[in-house]
Amino acid sequence: NSDDKESLVKLLGMEVRASKVVTKDAKMRTFIQEDSSRESITKFAYDLHYGTLRPEQDVLIALDDSVVRGNTLKNAIIPMMDRLKPTRIIFVSSCPQIRYPDCYGI
């Protein structure tokens, strides 16, 4: 189908840029904080890099390999990314395969 071919050519011709948009302060250990203080700390543990996205033009694809509960993502990271005004935010999470689960957390 010619429409499919045109769509593919358009997609392959898109410019892809890679840049760090959000970085975490390595000294801020939000995971080990108690629940009552974790939410307020996570909002200040990340730095946003302005000028990396063209507002209302770029699609932001975020990669993360450390999603545990999803609270930090929901309460801190996505609201920060939204301030950059991308047309869309696509979040991709990955982790290594769990081969030998440890139910006791040791």
C-alpha atoms as a PDB file:
ATOM      1  CA  ASN A   1       0.000   0.000   0.000  1.00  0.00           C
ATOM      2  CA  SER A   2       1.421   3.389  -1.009  1.00  0.00           C
ATOM      3  CA  ASP A   3       0.074   5.121   2.147  1.00  0.00           C
ATOM      4  CA  ASP A   4       2.008   2.678   4.327  1.00  0.00           C
ATOM      5  CA  LYS A   5       5.150   3.241   2.283  1.00  0.00           C
ATOM      6  CA  GLU A   6       4.817   7.029   2.592  1.00  0.00           C
ATOM      7  CA  SER A   7       4.257   6.754   6.358  1.00  0.00           C
ATOM      8  CA  LEU A   8       7.333   4.590   6.728  1.00  0.00           C
ATOM      9  CA  VAL A   9       9.497   6.965   4.680  1.00  0.00           C
ATOM     10  CA  LYS A  10       8.271   9.890   6.804  1.00  0.00           C
ATOM     11  CA  LEU A  11       8.946   8.000  10.043  1.00  0.00           C
ATOM     12  CA  LEU A  12      12.461   6.955   8.992  1.00  0.00           C
ATOM     13  CA  GLY A  13      13.262  10.522   7.982  1.00  0.00           C
ATOM     14  CA  MET A  14      12.566  11.950  11.445  1.00  0.00           C
ATOM     15  CA  GLU A  15      15.433  13.465  13.398  1.00  0.00           C
ATOM     16  CA  VAL A  16      16.200  11.674  16.673  1.00  0.00           C
ATOM     17  CA  ARG A  17      18.133  13.446  19.409  1.00  0.00           C
ATOM     18  CA  ALA A  18      19.349  11.985  22.690  1.00  0.00           C
ATOM     19  CA  SER A  19      19.821  14.116  25.765  1.00  0.00           C
ATOM     20  CA  LYS A  20      19.507  13.897  29.524  1.00  0.00           C
ATOM     21  CA  VAL A  21      16.412  15.825  30.497  1.00  0.00           C
ATOM     22  CA  VAL A  22      16.110  14.836  34.157  1.00  0.00           C
ATOM     23  CA  THR A  23      19.013  13.850  36.389  1.00  0.00           C
ATOM     24  CA  LYS A  24      19.006  12.705  39.985  1.00  0.00           C
ATOM     25  CA  ASP A  25      21.191  14.107  42.713  1.00  0.00           C
ATOM     26  CA  ALA A  26      23.246  11.038  43.638  1.00  0.00           C
ATOM     27  CA  LYS A  27      23.366  12.067  47.296  1.00  0.00           C
ATOM     28  CA  MET A  28      19.577  12.012  47.700  1.00  0.00           C
ATOM     29  CA  ARG A  29      18.556   8.488  48.726  1.00  0.00           C
ATOM     30  CA  THR A  30      14.767   8.734  48.413  1.00  0.00           C
ATOM     31  CA  PHE A  31      14.122   4.988  48.422  1.00  0.00           C
ATOM     32  CA  ILE A  32      15.273   4.477  52.002  1.00  0.00           C
ATOM     33  CA  GLN A  33      13.256   7.345  53.481  1.00  0.00           C
ATOM     34  CA  GLU A  34      10.143   6.698  55.530  1.00  0.00           C
ATOM     35  CA  ASP A  35       6.834   7.193  53.724  1.00  0.00           C
ATOM     36  CA  SER A  36       5.945  10.491  55.434  1.00  0.00           C
ATOM     37  CA  SER A  37       9.052  12.301  54.171  1.00  0.00           C
ATOM     38  CA  ARG A  38       9.722  10.457  50.892  1.00  0.00           C
ATOM     39  CA  GLU A  39       7.206  12.402  48.789  1.00  0.00           C
ATOM     40  CA  SER A  40       8.554  15.837  49.705  1.00  0.00           C
ATOM     41  CA  ILE A  41      12.179  14.717  49.250  1.00  0.00           C
ATOM     42  CA  THR A  42      11.591  13.193  45.797  1.00  0.00           C
ATOM     43  CA  LYS A  43      10.375  16.526  44.439  1.00  0.00           C
ATOM     44  CA  PHE A  44      13.794  18.055  45.185  1.00  0.00           C
ATOM     45  CA  ALA A  45      16.006  15.082  44.293  1.00  0.00           C
ATOM     46  CA  TYR A  46      15.815  15.648  40.532  1.00  0.00           C
ATOM     47  CA  ASP A  47      17.131  18.417  38.297  1.00  0.00           C
ATOM     48  CA  LEU A  48      15.414  19.404  35.061  1.00  0.00           C
ATOM     49  CA  HIS A  49      17.496  20.517  32.066  1.00  0.00           C
ATOM     50  CA  TYR A  50      15.672  23.280  30.215  1.00  0.00           C
ATOM     51  CA  GLY A  51      16.481  24.000  26.578  1.00  0.00           C
ATOM     52  CA  THR A  52      16.819  20.360  25.548  1.00  0.00           C
ATOM     53  CA  LEU A  53      13.307  20.106  24.100  1.00  0.00           C
ATOM     54  CA  ARG A  54      11.473  22.352  21.676  1.00  0.00           C
ATOM     55  CA  PRO A  55       8.217  23.139  23.532  1.00  0.00           C
ATOM     56  CA  GLU A  56       5.059  21.891  21.813  1.00  0.00           C
ATOM     57  CA  GLN A  57       7.145  20.372  18.972  1.00  0.00           C
ATOM     58  CA  ASP A  58       9.137  17.458  20.384  1.00  0.00           C
ATOM     59  CA  VAL A  59       8.000  14.078  21.682  1.00  0.00           C
ATOM     60  CA  LEU A  60       9.789  13.081  24.875  1.00  0.00           C
ATOM     61  CA  ILE A  61      10.683   9.400  25.266  1.00  0.00           C
ATOM     62  CA  ALA A  62      11.935   8.675  28.772  1.00  0.00           C
ATOM     63  CA  LEU A  63      13.860   5.529  29.680  1.00  0.00           C
ATOM     64  CA  ASP A  64      14.106   4.284  33.248  1.00  0.00           C
ATOM     65  CA  ASP A  65      15.522   1.145  34.768  1.00  0.00           C
ATOM     66  CA  SER A  66      14.648   1.653  38.414  1.00  0.00           C
ATOM     67  CA  VAL A  67      10.881   1.686  38.783  1.00  0.00           C
ATOM     68  CA  VAL A  68      10.025   0.098  42.110  1.00  0.00           C
ATOM     69  CA  ARG A  69       6.727   1.485  43.322  1.00  0.00           C
ATOM     70  CA  GLY A  70       6.072   4.128  40.687  1.00  0.00           C
ATOM     71  CA  ASN A  71       5.479   6.886  43.268  1.00  0.00           C
ATOM     72  CA  THR A  72       8.560   8.874  42.275  1.00  0.00           C
ATOM     73  CA  LEU A  73       7.608   8.612  38.640  1.00  0.00           C
ATOM     74  CA  LYS A  74       4.046   9.761  39.261  1.00  0.00           C
ATOM     75  CA  ASN A  75       4.761  12.444  41.873  1.00  0.00           C
ATOM     76  CA  ALA A  76       8.053  13.935  40.678  1.00  0.00           C
ATOM     77  CA  ILE A  77       9.458  12.871  37.314  1.00  0.00           C
ATOM     78  CA  ILE A  78       6.427  13.073  35.010  1.00  0.00           C
ATOM     79  CA  PRO A  79       5.258  16.464  36.393  1.00  0.00           C
ATOM     80  CA  MET A  80       8.812  17.780  35.843  1.00  0.00           C
ATOM     81  CA  MET A  81       8.902  16.487  32.263  1.00  0.00           C
ATOM     82  CA  ASP A  82       5.488  17.999  31.615  1.00  0.00           C
ATOM     83  CA  ARG A  83       6.889  21.466  32.409  1.00  0.00           C
ATOM     84  CA  LEU A  84       9.017  21.163  29.256  1.00  0.00           C
ATOM     85  CA  LYS A  85       5.748  21.046  27.245  1.00  0.00           C
ATOM     86  CA  PRO A  86       6.475  18.123  24.907  1.00  0.00           C
ATOM     87  CA  THR A  87       3.703  17.080  22.522  1.00  0.00           C
ATOM     88  CA  ARG A  88       3.728  13.637  24.170  1.00  0.00           C
ATOM     89  CA  ILE A  89       5.586  11.841  26.925  1.00  0.00           C
ATOM     90  CA  ILE A  90       6.316   8.186  26.256  1.00  0.00           C
ATOM     91  CA  PHE A  91       7.721   6.348  29.255  1.00  0.00           C
ATOM     92  CA  VAL A  92       9.688   3.136  28.739  1.00  0.00           C
ATOM     93  CA  SER A  93      10.656   1.069  31.753  1.00  0.00           C
ATOM     94  CA  SER A  94      13.008  -1.863  31.693  1.00  0.00           C
ATOM     95  CA  CYS A  95      14.630  -4.147  34.179  1.00  0.00           C
ATOM     96  CA  PRO A  96      16.717  -7.293  34.077  1.00  0.00           C
ATOM     97  CA  GLN A  97      14.962 -10.614  34.038  1.00  0.00           C
ATOM     98  CA  ILE A  98      14.214 -11.965  37.521  1.00  0.00           C
ATOM     99  CA  ARG A  99      15.814 -15.389  37.607  1.00  0.00           C
ATOM    100  CA  TYR A 100      16.111 -16.171  41.309  1.00  0.00           C
ATOM    101  CA  PRO A 101      13.464 -14.228  43.261  1.00  0.00           C
ATOM    102  CA  ASP A 102      14.231 -13.516  46.896  1.00  0.00           C
ATOM    103  CA  CYS A 103      10.901 -13.334  48.700  1.00  0.00           C
ATOM    104  CA  TYR A 104      12.575 -12.215  51.940  1.00  0.00           C
ATOM    105  CA  GLY A 105      14.329  -9.203  50.433  1.00  0.00           C
ATOM    106  CA  ILE A 106      17.717 -10.204  51.794  1.00  0.00           C
END
